[in-house]
Every structure is written in structure tokens, then in C-alpha cells.
Amino acid sequence: MKARVAIAALLALVAGIVLGIWFSPEVPDGAAAYVPIAVVAALDTVFGGLRALLDSVFDPKVFVVSFVFNVSVAALIVWLGDQLGVGTQLSTAIIVVLGIRIFGNAAAMRRRILGA
């Protein structure tokens, strides 16, 4: 059951990427600073979900809540940084932290799959 949910989520992700490339939506100028952060936060959640699936602890409810929460918190931090005049620095910090988490999850998945 959990594998089906994970496969459906992965297919939805691929469909979303294909549709995004196909239709090339324009991002409003006011949201342009938040979209890259939201994408990286979403990728962090996806990689975390894949790792949880490989560790047999995947829970769809936790995945959805984590997805919404991660994207919301990342956008809120960037917005707060913009209000304080340090938006670029906070954006960089978020990218670094989430990047470390993504690569940590990728390394754990590699070890789990390849046994290395």
C-alpha cells in the first residue's frame, strides 16, 4: 500500500514537472524570490519521503504535512528576510541547509540501495 502511494506521488511529481515545462507558466514578480526556495523545500520533502519509503517508515500523512510545512516555513523565512532587508542572505542560508538535507537523504538512499 505504501509503495503504491509513493509511486503515485513520484508519478505526480513527474507529471507536474512535465506540465510545468510544457506550459511554461510565468511567475509574478512579487513571487519570483519565493519560487526557487519553495522548489528546493519541496525537493527536500520528496527526498525525505523516498528515504522513509526505503526505510519502510513512510507515512503519507506525514509526507503531505511535511511538504506543506517545509514550503510554508521556507517562504515565511524569505519573506521575513525581505522585510528586514536581508532576504538574499536568508535565501542563501535556506538553500544551503536544505541542500545539505537533500544530499544527506540521497547518501542514505544510496547506502540503502547499494549497500555502500
PDB file of N, CA and C in Angstrom:
ATOM      1  N   MET A   1       0.821  -1.196   0.000  1.00  0.00           N
ATOM      2  CA  MET A   1       0.000   0.000   0.000  1.00  0.00           C
ATOM      3  C   MET A   1       0.865   1.260   0.000  1.00  0.00           C
ATOM      4  N   LYS A   2       1.869   1.298   0.892  1.00  0.00           N
ATOM      5  CA  LYS A   2       2.725   2.474   0.968  1.00  0.00           C
ATOM      6  C   LYS A   2       3.540   2.644  -0.308  1.00  0.00           C
ATOM      7  N   ALA A   3       3.930   1.529  -0.917  1.00  0.00           N
ATOM      8  CA  ALA A   3       4.685   1.609  -2.163  1.00  0.00           C
ATOM      9  C   ALA A   3       3.825   2.213  -3.265  1.00  0.00           C
ATOM     10  N   ARG A   4       2.538   1.875  -3.282  1.00  0.00           N
ATOM     11  CA  ARG A   4       1.636   2.450  -4.287  1.00  0.00           C
ATOM     12  C   ARG A   4       1.509   3.953  -4.113  1.00  0.00           C
ATOM     13  N   VAL A   5       1.403   4.381  -2.869  1.00  0.00           N
ATOM     14  CA  VAL A   5       1.292   5.818  -2.598  1.00  0.00           C
ATOM     15  C   VAL A   5       2.563   6.531  -3.034  1.00  0.00           C
ATOM     16  N   ALA A   6       3.716   5.940  -2.739  1.00  0.00           N
ATOM     17  CA  ALA A   6       4.984   6.545  -3.123  1.00  0.00           C
ATOM     18  C   ALA A   6       5.124   6.603  -4.639  1.00  0.00           C
ATOM     19  N   ILE A   7       4.718   5.546  -5.314  1.00  0.00           N
ATOM     20  CA  ILE A   7       4.784   5.537  -6.780  1.00  0.00           C
ATOM     21  C   ILE A   7       3.835   6.580  -7.354  1.00  0.00           C
ATOM     22  N   ALA A   8       2.639   6.686  -6.785  1.00  0.00           N
ATOM     23  CA  ALA A   8       1.686   7.700  -7.244  1.00  0.00           C
ATOM     24  C   ALA A   8       2.241   9.100  -7.017  1.00  0.00           C
ATOM     25  N   ALA A   9       2.894   9.317  -5.877  1.00  0.00           N
ATOM     26  CA  ALA A   9       3.484  10.627  -5.592  1.00  0.00           C
ATOM     27  C   ALA A   9       4.603  10.939  -6.576  1.00  0.00           C
ATOM     28  N   LEU A  10       5.419   9.935  -6.883  1.00  0.00           N
ATOM     29  CA  LEU A  10       6.504  10.129  -7.831  1.00  0.00           C
ATOM     30  C   LEU A  10       5.961  10.420  -9.227  1.00  0.00           C
ATOM     31  N   LEU A  11       4.924   9.709  -9.631  1.00  0.00           N
ATOM     32  CA  LEU A  11       4.296   9.973 -10.933  1.00  0.00           C
ATOM     33  C   LEU A  11       3.681  11.368 -10.973  1.00  0.00           C
ATOM     34  N   ALA A  12       3.071  11.792  -9.873  1.00  0.00           N
ATOM     35  CA  ALA A  12       2.500  13.139  -9.811  1.00  0.00           C
ATOM     36  C   ALA A  12       3.599  14.190  -9.923  1.00  0.00           C
ATOM     37  N   LEU A  13       4.740  13.934  -9.289  1.00  0.00           N
ATOM     38  CA  LEU A  13       5.869  14.853  -9.385  1.00  0.00           C
ATOM     39  C   LEU A  13       6.358  14.961 -10.822  1.00  0.00           C
ATOM     40  N   VAL A  14       6.529  13.821 -11.472  1.00  0.00           N
ATOM     41  CA  VAL A  14       6.979  13.818 -12.870  1.00  0.00           C
ATOM     42  C   VAL A  14       5.955  14.525 -13.757  1.00  0.00           C
ATOM     43  N   ALA A  15       4.662  14.252 -13.546  1.00  0.00           N
ATOM     44  CA  ALA A  15       3.615  14.909 -14.332  1.00  0.00           C
ATOM     45  C   ALA A  15       3.649  16.415 -14.114  1.00  0.00           C
ATOM     46  N   GLY A  16       3.862  16.846 -12.880  1.00  0.00           N
ATOM     47  CA  GLY A  16       3.941  18.277 -12.590  1.00  0.00           C
ATOM     48  C   GLY A  16       5.120  18.936 -13.278  1.00  0.00           C
ATOM     49  N   ILE A  17       6.256  18.253 -13.291  1.00  0.00           N
ATOM     50  CA  ILE A  17       7.439  18.797 -13.965  1.00  0.00           C
ATOM     51  C   ILE A  17       7.196  18.902 -15.463  1.00  0.00           C
ATOM     52  N   VAL A  18       6.634  17.842 -16.051  1.00  0.00           N
ATOM     53  CA  VAL A  18       6.359  17.846 -17.497  1.00  0.00           C
ATOM     54  C   VAL A  18       5.368  18.955 -17.850  1.00  0.00           C
ATOM     55  N   LEU A  19       4.292  19.078 -17.076  1.00  0.00           N
ATOM     56  CA  LEU A  19       3.311  20.133 -17.344  1.00  0.00           C
ATOM     57  C   LEU A  19       3.913  21.521 -17.163  1.00  0.00           C
ATOM     58  N   GLY A  20       4.772  21.682 -16.170  1.00  0.00           N
ATOM     59  CA  GLY A  20       5.430  22.967 -15.961  1.00  0.00           C
ATOM     60  C   GLY A  20       6.334  23.341 -17.118  1.00  0.00           C
ATOM     61  N   ILE A  21       7.035  22.357 -17.661  1.00  0.00           N
ATOM     62  CA  ILE A  21       7.893  22.618 -18.819  1.00  0.00           C
ATOM     63  C   ILE A  21       7.048  22.886 -20.058  1.00  0.00           C
ATOM     64  N   TRP A  22       5.981  22.127 -20.219  1.00  0.00           N
ATOM     65  CA  TRP A  22       5.124  22.245 -21.397  1.00  0.00           C
ATOM     66  C   TRP A  22       4.429  23.604 -21.468  1.00  0.00           C
ATOM     67  N   PHE A  23       3.836  24.032 -20.353  1.00  0.00           N
ATOM     68  CA  PHE A  23       3.051  25.270 -20.359  1.00  0.00           C
ATOM     69  C   PHE A  23       3.871  26.511 -20.029  1.00  0.00           C
ATOM     70  N   SER A  24       5.053  26.376 -19.495  1.00  0.00           N
ATOM     71  CA  SER A  24       5.935  27.488 -19.139  1.00  0.00           C
ATOM     72  C   SER A  24       5.181  28.628 -18.454  1.00  0.00           C
ATOM     73  N   PRO A  25       4.636  28.385 -17.270  1.00  0.00           N
ATOM     74  CA  PRO A  25       3.886  29.449 -16.603  1.00  0.00           C
ATOM     75  C   PRO A  25       4.803  30.598 -16.193  1.00  0.00           C
ATOM     76  N   GLU A  26       4.254  31.809 -16.224  1.00  0.00           N
ATOM     77  CA  GLU A  26       5.017  32.979 -15.803  1.00  0.00           C
ATOM     78  C   GLU A  26       4.805  33.207 -14.316  1.00  0.00           C
ATOM     79  N   VAL A  27       5.892  33.435 -13.622  1.00  0.00           N
ATOM     80  CA  VAL A  27       5.832  33.697 -12.188  1.00  0.00           C
ATOM     81  C   VAL A  27       5.729  35.204 -11.990  1.00  0.00           C
ATOM     82  N   PRO A  28       4.755  35.666 -11.212  1.00  0.00           N
ATOM     83  CA  PRO A  28       4.655  37.109 -10.951  1.00  0.00           C
ATOM     84  C   PRO A  28       5.922  37.622 -10.268  1.00  0.00           C
ATOM     85  N   ASP A  29       6.267  38.872 -10.537  1.00  0.00           N
ATOM     86  CA  ASP A  29       7.488  39.446  -9.980  1.00  0.00           C
ATOM     87  C   ASP A  29       7.512  39.384  -8.454  1.00  0.00           C
ATOM     88  N   GLY A  30       6.368  39.553  -7.827  1.00  0.00           N
ATOM     89  CA  GLY A  30       6.309  39.528  -6.370  1.00  0.00           C
ATOM     90  C   GLY A  30       6.612  38.166  -5.777  1.00  0.00           C
ATOM     91  N   ALA A  31       6.393  37.112  -6.546  1.00  0.00           N
ATOM     92  CA  ALA A  31       6.626  35.750  -6.049  1.00  0.00           C
ATOM     93  C   ALA A  31       7.946  35.168  -6.537  1.00  0.00           C
ATOM     94  N   ALA A  32       8.655  35.894  -7.390  1.00  0.00           N
ATOM     95  CA  ALA A  32       9.870  35.360  -8.006  1.00  0.00           C
ATOM     96  C   ALA A  32      10.936  34.975  -6.987  1.00  0.00           C
ATOM     97  N   ALA A  33      11.024  35.682  -5.881  1.00  0.00           N
ATOM     98  CA  ALA A  33      12.038  35.365  -4.874  1.00  0.00           C
ATOM     99  C   ALA A  33      11.681  34.118  -4.078  1.00  0.00           C
ATOM    100  N   TYR A  34      10.406  33.760  -4.064  1.00  0.00           N
ATOM    101  CA  TYR A  34       9.946  32.658  -3.222  1.00  0.00           C
ATOM    102  C   TYR A  34       9.888  31.313  -3.950  1.00  0.00           C
ATOM    103  N   VAL A  35       9.730  31.330  -5.255  1.00  0.00           N
ATOM    104  CA  VAL A  35       9.562  30.089  -6.013  1.00  0.00           C
ATOM    105  C   VAL A  35      10.789  29.174  -5.917  1.00  0.00           C
ATOM    106  N   PRO A  36      12.009  29.677  -6.117  1.00  0.00           N
ATOM    107  CA  PRO A  36      13.159  28.762  -6.004  1.00  0.00           C
ATOM    108  C   PRO A  36      13.285  28.142  -4.615  1.00  0.00           C
ATOM    109  N   ILE A  37      12.999  28.925  -3.589  1.00  0.00           N
ATOM    110  CA  ILE A  37      13.070  28.407  -2.223  1.00  0.00           C
ATOM    111  C   ILE A  37      11.999  27.341  -2.019  1.00  0.00           C
ATOM    112  N   ALA A  38      10.800  27.600  -2.531  1.00  0.00           N
ATOM    113  CA  ALA A  38       9.708  26.632  -2.396  1.00  0.00           C
ATOM    114  C   ALA A  38      10.040  25.335  -3.134  1.00  0.00           C
ATOM    115  N   VAL A  39      10.660  25.444  -4.291  1.00  0.00           N
ATOM    116  CA  VAL A  39      11.029  24.248  -5.061  1.00  0.00           C
ATOM    117  C   VAL A  39      12.065  23.420  -4.302  1.00  0.00           C
ATOM    118  N   VAL A  40      13.071  24.076  -3.749  1.00  0.00           N
ATOM    119  CA  VAL A  40      14.099  23.345  -3.001  1.00  0.00           C
ATOM    120  C   VAL A  40      13.498  22.724  -1.739  1.00  0.00           C
ATOM    121  N   ALA A  41      12.609  23.445  -1.069  1.00  0.00           N
ATOM    122  CA  ALA A  41      11.944  22.883   0.118  1.00  0.00           C
ATOM    123  C   ALA A  41      11.090  21.674  -0.269  1.00  0.00           C
ATOM    124  N   ALA A  42      10.420  21.760  -1.408  1.00  0.00           N
ATOM    125  CA  ALA A  42       9.618  20.628  -1.879  1.00  0.00           C
ATOM    126  C   ALA A  42      10.509  19.437  -2.222  1.00  0.00           C
ATOM    127  N   LEU A  43      11.635  19.691  -2.869  1.00  0.00           N
ATOM    128  CA  LEU A  43      12.568  18.603  -3.193  1.00  0.00           C
ATOM    129  C   LEU A  43      13.118  17.951  -1.926  1.00  0.00           C
ATOM    130  N   ASP A  44      13.371  18.761  -0.904  1.00  0.00           N
ATOM    131  CA  ASP A  44      13.826  18.208   0.372  1.00  0.00           C
ATOM    132  C   ASP A  44      12.793  17.233   0.924  1.00  0.00           C
ATOM    133  N   THR A  45      11.532  17.608   0.849  1.00  0.00           N
ATOM    134  CA  THR A  45      10.470  16.734   1.344  1.00  0.00           C
ATOM    135  C   THR A  45      10.364  15.463   0.508  1.00  0.00           C
ATOM    136  N   VAL A  46      10.483  15.591  -0.802  1.00  0.00           N
ATOM    137  CA  VAL A  46      10.398  14.420  -1.681  1.00  0.00           C
ATOM    138  C   VAL A  46      11.534  13.443  -1.381  1.00  0.00           C
ATOM    139  N   PHE A  47      12.756  13.958  -1.251  1.00  0.00           N
ATOM    140  CA  PHE A  47      13.879  13.074  -0.945  1.00  0.00           C
ATOM    141  C   PHE A  47      13.733  12.453   0.436  1.00  0.00           C
ATOM    142  N   GLY A  48      13.208  13.215   1.387  1.00  0.00           N
ATOM    143  CA  GLY A  48      12.945  12.654   2.710  1.00  0.00           C
ATOM    144  C   GLY A  48      11.897  11.556   2.652  1.00  0.00           C
ATOM    145  N   GLY A  49      10.873  11.755   1.828  1.00  0.00           N
ATOM    146  CA  GLY A  49       9.840  10.735   1.661  1.00  0.00           C
ATOM    147  C   GLY A  49      10.372   9.475   1.006  1.00  0.00           C
ATOM    148  N   LEU A  50      11.231   9.643   0.013  1.00  0.00           N
ATOM    149  CA  LEU A  50      11.834   8.473  -0.634  1.00  0.00           C
ATOM    150  C   LEU A  50      12.723   7.705   0.341  1.00  0.00           C
ATOM    151  N   ARG A  51      13.459   8.447   1.154  1.00  0.00           N
ATOM    152  CA  ARG A  51      14.293   7.779   2.163  1.00  0.00           C
ATOM    153  C   ARG A  51      13.413   7.025   3.158  1.00  0.00           C
ATOM    154  N   ALA A  52      12.328   7.653   3.593  1.00  0.00           N
ATOM    155  CA  ALA A  52      11.418   6.986   4.528  1.00  0.00           C
ATOM    156  C   ALA A  52      10.826   5.731   3.901  1.00  0.00           C
ATOM    157  N   LEU A  53      10.518   5.799   2.606  1.00  0.00           N
ATOM    158  CA  LEU A  53       9.981   4.630   1.913  1.00  0.00           C
ATOM    159  C   LEU A  53      10.996   3.490   1.913  1.00  0.00           C
ATOM    160  N   LEU A  54      12.242   3.812   1.622  1.00  0.00           N
ATOM    161  CA  LEU A  54      13.286   2.782   1.614  1.00  0.00           C
ATOM    162  C   LEU A  54      13.533   2.212   3.009  1.00  0.00           C
ATOM    163  N   ASP A  55      13.325   3.027   4.030  1.00  0.00           N
ATOM    164  CA  ASP A  55      13.499   2.563   5.414  1.00  0.00           C
ATOM    165  C   ASP A  55      12.228   1.936   5.968  1.00  0.00           C
ATOM    166  N   SER A  56      11.204   1.816   5.131  1.00  0.00           N
ATOM    167  CA  SER A  56       9.913   1.217   5.497  1.00  0.00           C
ATOM    168  C   SER A  56       9.205   1.953   6.634  1.00  0.00           C
ATOM    169  N   VAL A  57       9.348   3.267   6.674  1.00  0.00           N
ATOM    170  CA  VAL A  57       8.655   4.070   7.685  1.00  0.00           C
ATOM    171  C   VAL A  57       7.842   5.194   7.035  1.00  0.00           C
ATOM    172  N   PHE A  58       7.563   5.065   5.737  1.00  0.00           N
ATOM    173  CA  PHE A  58       6.837   6.111   5.018  1.00  0.00           C
ATOM    174  C   PHE A  58       5.398   6.196   5.507  1.00  0.00           C
ATOM    175  N   ASP A  59       4.946   7.416   5.757  1.00  0.00           N
ATOM    176  CA  ASP A  59       3.564   7.674   6.154  1.00  0.00           C
ATOM    177  C   ASP A  59       3.046   8.808   5.270  1.00  0.00           C
ATOM    178  N   PRO A  60       2.021   8.555   4.457  1.00  0.00           N
ATOM    179  CA  PRO A  60       1.530   9.589   3.542  1.00  0.00           C
ATOM    180  C   PRO A  60       1.081  10.864   4.251  1.00  0.00           C
ATOM    181  N   LYS A  61       0.483  10.731   5.423  1.00  0.00           N
ATOM    182  CA  LYS A  61       0.038  11.922   6.157  1.00  0.00           C
ATOM    183  C   LYS A  61       1.229  12.779   6.569  1.00  0.00           C
ATOM    184  N   VAL A  62       2.253  12.129   7.072  1.00  0.00           N
ATOM    185  CA  VAL A  62       3.460  12.857   7.468  1.00  0.00           C
ATOM    186  C   VAL A  62       4.088  13.521   6.247  1.00  0.00           C
ATOM    187  N   PHE A  63       4.082  12.815   5.114  1.00  0.00           N
ATOM    188  CA  PHE A  63       4.658  13.368   3.892  1.00  0.00           C
ATOM    189  C   PHE A  63       3.939  14.643   3.469  1.00  0.00           C
ATOM    190  N   VAL A  64       2.613  14.605   3.434  1.00  0.00           N
ATOM    191  CA  VAL A  64       1.837  15.772   2.991  1.00  0.00           C
ATOM    192  C   VAL A  64       2.019  16.935   3.956  1.00  0.00           C
ATOM    193  N   VAL A  65       1.927  16.654   5.251  1.00  0.00           N
ATOM    194  CA  VAL A  65       2.095  17.721   6.241  1.00  0.00           C
ATOM    195  C   VAL A  65       3.505  18.301   6.160  1.00  0.00           C
ATOM    196  N   SER A  66       4.511  17.450   6.016  1.00  0.00           N
ATOM    197  CA  SER A  66       5.890  17.924   5.897  1.00  0.00           C
ATOM    198  C   SER A  66       6.076  18.773   4.648  1.00  0.00           C
ATOM    199  N   PHE A  67       5.459  18.346   3.552  1.00  0.00           N
ATOM    200  CA  PHE A  67       5.565  19.090   2.297  1.00  0.00           C
ATOM    201  C   PHE A  67       5.031  20.507   2.470  1.00  0.00           C
ATOM    202  N   VAL A  68       3.811  20.617   2.961  1.00  0.00           N
ATOM    203  CA  VAL A  68       3.183  21.932   3.133  1.00  0.00           C
ATOM    204  C   VAL A  68       3.959  22.762   4.153  1.00  0.00           C
ATOM    205  N   PHE A  69       4.340  22.146   5.256  1.00  0.00           N
ATOM    206  CA  PHE A  69       5.029  22.864   6.321  1.00  0.00           C
ATOM    207  C   PHE A  69       6.398  23.364   5.859  1.00  0.00           C
ATOM    208  N   ASN A  70       7.186  22.509   5.198  1.00  0.00           N
ATOM    209  CA  ASN A  70       8.519  22.912   4.738  1.00  0.00           C
ATOM    210  C   ASN A  70       8.451  24.073   3.757  1.00  0.00           C
ATOM    211  N   VAL A  71       7.549  23.982   2.794  1.00  0.00           N
ATOM    212  CA  VAL A  71       7.423  25.054   1.806  1.00  0.00           C
ATOM    213  C   VAL A  71       6.959  26.341   2.482  1.00  0.00           C
ATOM    214  N   SER A  72       6.002  26.235   3.381  1.00  0.00           N
ATOM    215  CA  SER A  72       5.473  27.421   4.064  1.00  0.00           C
ATOM    216  C   SER A  72       6.527  28.087   4.940  1.00  0.00           C
ATOM    217  N   VAL A  73       7.251  27.298   5.708  1.00  0.00           N
ATOM    218  CA  VAL A  73       8.274  27.866   6.593  1.00  0.00           C
ATOM    219  C   VAL A  73       9.397  28.499   5.777  1.00  0.00           C
ATOM    220  N   ALA A  74       9.823  27.847   4.713  1.00  0.00           N
ATOM    221  CA  ALA A  74      10.877  28.417   3.873  1.00  0.00           C
ATOM    222  C   ALA A  74      10.427  29.747   3.271  1.00  0.00           C
ATOM    223  N   ALA A  75       9.196  29.804   2.765  1.00  0.00           N
ATOM    224  CA  ALA A  75       8.680  31.057   2.201  1.00  0.00           C
ATOM    225  C   ALA A  75       8.553  32.129   3.279  1.00  0.00           C
ATOM    226  N   LEU A  76       8.121  31.744   4.460  1.00  0.00           N
ATOM    227  CA  LEU A  76       7.989  32.700   5.563  1.00  0.00           C
ATOM    228  C   LEU A  76       9.343  33.277   5.965  1.00  0.00           C
ATOM    229  N   ILE A  77      10.362  32.439   6.011  1.00  0.00           N
ATOM    230  CA  ILE A  77      11.697  32.926   6.365  1.00  0.00           C
ATOM    231  C   ILE A  77      12.210  33.900   5.313  1.00  0.00           C
ATOM    232  N   VAL A  78      12.003  33.591   4.040  1.00  0.00           N
ATOM    233  CA  VAL A  78      12.437  34.502   2.979  1.00  0.00           C
ATOM    234  C   VAL A  78      11.654  35.807   3.055  1.00  0.00           C
ATOM    235  N   TRP A  79      10.351  35.728   3.282  1.00  0.00           N
ATOM    236  CA  TRP A  79       9.537  36.941   3.416  1.00  0.00           C
ATOM    237  C   TRP A  79      10.026  37.798   4.583  1.00  0.00           C
ATOM    238  N   LEU A  80      10.290  37.157   5.715  1.00  0.00           N
ATOM    239  CA  LEU A  80      10.792  37.882   6.879  1.00  0.00           C
ATOM    240  C   LEU A  80      12.134  38.535   6.559  1.00  0.00           C
ATOM    241  N   GLY A  81      12.993  37.808   5.859  1.00  0.00           N
ATOM    242  CA  GLY A  81      14.274  38.377   5.444  1.00  0.00           C
ATOM    243  C   GLY A  81      14.093  39.574   4.534  1.00  0.00           C
ATOM    244  N   ASP A  82      13.132  39.506   3.615  1.00  0.00           N
ATOM    245  CA  ASP A  82      12.845  40.650   2.745  1.00  0.00           C
ATOM    246  C   ASP A  82      12.390  41.853   3.561  1.00  0.00           C
ATOM    247  N   GLN A  83      11.566  41.608   4.564  1.00  0.00           N
ATOM    248  CA  GLN A  83      11.079  42.702   5.408  1.00  0.00           C
ATOM    249  C   GLN A  83      12.214  43.340   6.208  1.00  0.00           C
ATOM    250  N   LEU A  84      13.192  42.541   6.590  1.00  0.00           N
ATOM    251  CA  LEU A  84      14.325  43.041   7.374  1.00  0.00           C
ATOM    252  C   LEU A  84      15.475  43.536   6.503  1.00  0.00           C
ATOM    253  N   GLY A  85      15.362  43.341   5.194  1.00  0.00           N
ATOM    254  CA  GLY A  85      16.409  43.784   4.280  1.00  0.00           C
ATOM    255  C   GLY A  85      17.559  42.800   4.129  1.00  0.00           C
ATOM    256  N   VAL A  86      17.360  41.567   4.553  1.00  0.00           N
ATOM    257  CA  VAL A  86      18.410  40.552   4.436  1.00  0.00           C
ATOM    258  C   VAL A  86      17.880  39.312   3.716  1.00  0.00           C
ATOM    259  N   GLY A  87      16.970  39.517   2.774  1.00  0.00           N
ATOM    260  CA  GLY A  87      16.332  38.409   2.075  1.00  0.00           C
ATOM    261  C   GLY A  87      17.304  37.522   1.332  1.00  0.00           C
ATOM    262  N   THR A  88      18.300  38.128   0.686  1.00  0.00           N
ATOM    263  CA  THR A  88      19.266  37.348  -0.083  1.00  0.00           C
ATOM    264  C   THR A  88      20.078  36.433   0.827  1.00  0.00           C
ATOM    265  N   GLN A  89      20.507  36.966   1.963  1.00  0.00           N
ATOM    266  CA  GLN A  89      21.299  36.165   2.889  1.00  0.00           C
ATOM    267  C   GLN A  89      20.480  35.006   3.458  1.00  0.00           C
ATOM    268  N   LEU A  90      19.233  35.263   3.819  1.00  0.00           N
ATOM    269  CA  LEU A  90      18.399  34.183   4.348  1.00  0.00           C
ATOM    270  C   LEU A  90      18.060  33.164   3.266  1.00  0.00           C
ATOM    271  N   SER A  91      17.871  33.627   2.032  1.00  0.00           N
ATOM    272  CA  SER A  91      17.624  32.692   0.928  1.00  0.00           C
ATOM    273  C   SER A  91      18.816  31.764   0.741  1.00  0.00           C
ATOM    274  N   THR A  92      20.006  32.336   0.794  1.00  0.00           N
ATOM    275  CA  THR A  92      21.217  31.527   0.664  1.00  0.00           C
ATOM    276  C   THR A  92      21.322  30.522   1.804  1.00  0.00           C
ATOM    277  N   ALA A  93      21.025  30.968   3.013  1.00  0.00           N
ATOM    278  CA  ALA A  93      21.087  30.066   4.168  1.00  0.00           C
ATOM    279  C   ALA A  93      20.101  28.911   4.019  1.00  0.00           C
ATOM    280  N   ILE A  94      18.899  29.207   3.552  1.00  0.00           N
ATOM    281  CA  ILE A  94      17.888  28.161   3.369  1.00  0.00           C
ATOM    282  C   ILE A  94      18.337  27.161   2.313  1.00  0.00           C
ATOM    283  N   ILE A  95      18.869  27.666   1.208  1.00  0.00           N
ATOM    284  CA  ILE A  95      19.345  26.781   0.137  1.00  0.00           C
ATOM    285  C   ILE A  95      20.459  25.874   0.661  1.00  0.00           C
ATOM    286  N   VAL A  96      21.378  26.425   1.443  1.00  0.00           N
ATOM    287  CA  VAL A  96      22.483  25.624   1.980  1.00  0.00           C
ATOM    288  C   VAL A  96      21.954  24.538   2.914  1.00  0.00           C
ATOM    289  N   VAL A  97      21.087  24.919   3.850  1.00  0.00           N
ATOM    290  CA  VAL A  97      20.564  23.951   4.820  1.00  0.00           C
ATOM    291  C   VAL A  97      19.761  22.857   4.120  1.00  0.00           C
ATOM    292  N   LEU A  98      18.856  23.254   3.231  1.00  0.00           N
ATOM    293  CA  LEU A  98      18.046  22.253   2.537  1.00  0.00           C
ATOM    294  C   LEU A  98      18.902  21.405   1.599  1.00  0.00           C
ATOM    295  N   GLY A  99      19.910  22.018   0.986  1.00  0.00           N
ATOM    296  CA  GLY A  99      20.826  21.260   0.134  1.00  0.00           C
ATOM    297  C   GLY A  99      21.567  20.192   0.915  1.00  0.00           C
ATOM    298  N   ILE A 100      22.011  20.535   2.116  1.00  0.00           N
ATOM    299  CA  ILE A 100      22.684  19.553   2.973  1.00  0.00           C
ATOM    300  C   ILE A 100      21.734  18.412   3.306  1.00  0.00           C
ATOM    301  N   ARG A 101      20.483  18.746   3.616  1.00  0.00           N
ATOM    302  CA  ARG A 101      19.496  17.702   3.931  1.00  0.00           C
ATOM    303  C   ARG A 101      19.218  16.816   2.718  1.00  0.00           C
ATOM    304  N   ILE A 102      19.099  17.431   1.538  1.00  0.00           N
ATOM    305  CA  ILE A 102      18.834  16.661   0.317  1.00  0.00           C
ATOM    306  C   ILE A 102      19.983  15.687   0.051  1.00  0.00           C
ATOM    307  N   PHE A 103      21.216  16.181   0.115  1.00  0.00           N
ATOM    308  CA  PHE A 103      22.356  15.307  -0.148  1.00  0.00           C
ATOM    309  C   PHE A 103      22.522  14.259   0.944  1.00  0.00           C
ATOM    310  N   GLY A 104      22.169  14.588   2.182  1.00  0.00           N
ATOM    311  CA  GLY A 104      22.192  13.593   3.260  1.00  0.00           C
ATOM    312  C   GLY A 104      21.199  12.476   3.000  1.00  0.00           C
ATOM    313  N   ASN A 105      19.990  12.855   2.575  1.00  0.00           N
ATOM    314  CA  ASN A 105      18.983  11.843   2.239  1.00  0.00           C
ATOM    315  C   ASN A 105      19.414  11.019   1.031  1.00  0.00           C
ATOM    316  N   ALA A 106      20.001  11.687   0.032  1.00  0.00           N
ATOM    317  CA  ALA A 106      20.463  10.966  -1.159  1.00  0.00           C
ATOM    318  C   ALA A 106      21.566   9.969  -0.791  1.00  0.00           C
ATOM    319  N   ALA A 107      22.464  10.372   0.099  1.00  0.00           N
ATOM    320  CA  ALA A 107      23.534   9.464   0.528  1.00  0.00           C
ATOM    321  C   ALA A 107      22.959   8.273   1.294  1.00  0.00           C
ATOM    322  N   ALA A 108      21.982   8.528   2.150  1.00  0.00           N
ATOM    323  CA  ALA A 108      21.356   7.431   2.901  1.00  0.00           C
ATOM    324  C   ALA A 108      20.638   6.472   1.957  1.00  0.00           C
ATOM    325  N   MET A 109      19.981   7.015   0.930  1.00  0.00           N
ATOM    326  CA  MET A 109      19.302   6.150  -0.046  1.00  0.00           C
ATOM    327  C   MET A 109      20.317   5.336  -0.830  1.00  0.00           C
ATOM    328  N   ARG A 110      21.417   5.964  -1.214  1.00  0.00           N
ATOM    329  CA  ARG A 110      22.463   5.245  -1.941  1.00  0.00           C
ATOM    330  C   ARG A 110      23.010   4.097  -1.102  1.00  0.00           C
ATOM    331  N   ARG A 111      23.286   4.375   0.178  1.00  0.00           N
ATOM    332  CA  ARG A 111      23.785   3.315   1.063  1.00  0.00           C
ATOM    333  C   ARG A 111      22.760   2.196   1.202  1.00  0.00           C
ATOM    334  N   ARG A 112      21.496   2.569   1.299  1.00  0.00           N
ATOM    335  CA  ARG A 112      20.429   1.572   1.474  1.00  0.00           C
ATOM    336  C   ARG A 112      20.281   0.711   0.214  1.00  0.00           C
ATOM    337  N   ILE A 113      20.318   1.352  -0.946  1.00  0.00           N
ATOM    338  CA  ILE A 113      20.111   0.633  -2.208  1.00  0.00           C
ATOM    339  C   ILE A 113      21.346  -0.181  -2.589  1.00  0.00           C
ATOM    340  N   LEU A 114      22.512   0.438  -2.514  1.00  0.00           N
ATOM    341  CA  LEU A 114      23.737  -0.215  -2.976  1.00  0.00           C
ATOM    342  C   LEU A 114      24.493  -0.928  -1.864  1.00  0.00           C
ATOM    343  N   GLY A 115      24.097  -0.696  -0.635  1.00  0.00           N
ATOM    344  CA  GLY A 115      24.808  -1.313   0.477  1.00  0.00           C
ATOM    345  C   GLY A 115      26.203  -0.755   0.656  1.00  0.00           C
ATOM    346  N   ALA A 116      26.396   0.487   0.200  1.00  0.00           N
ATOM    347  CA  ALA A 116      27.735   1.098   0.304  1.00  0.00           C
ATOM    348  C   ALA A 116      27.677   2.385   1.077  1.00  0.00           C
TER     349      ALA A 116
END
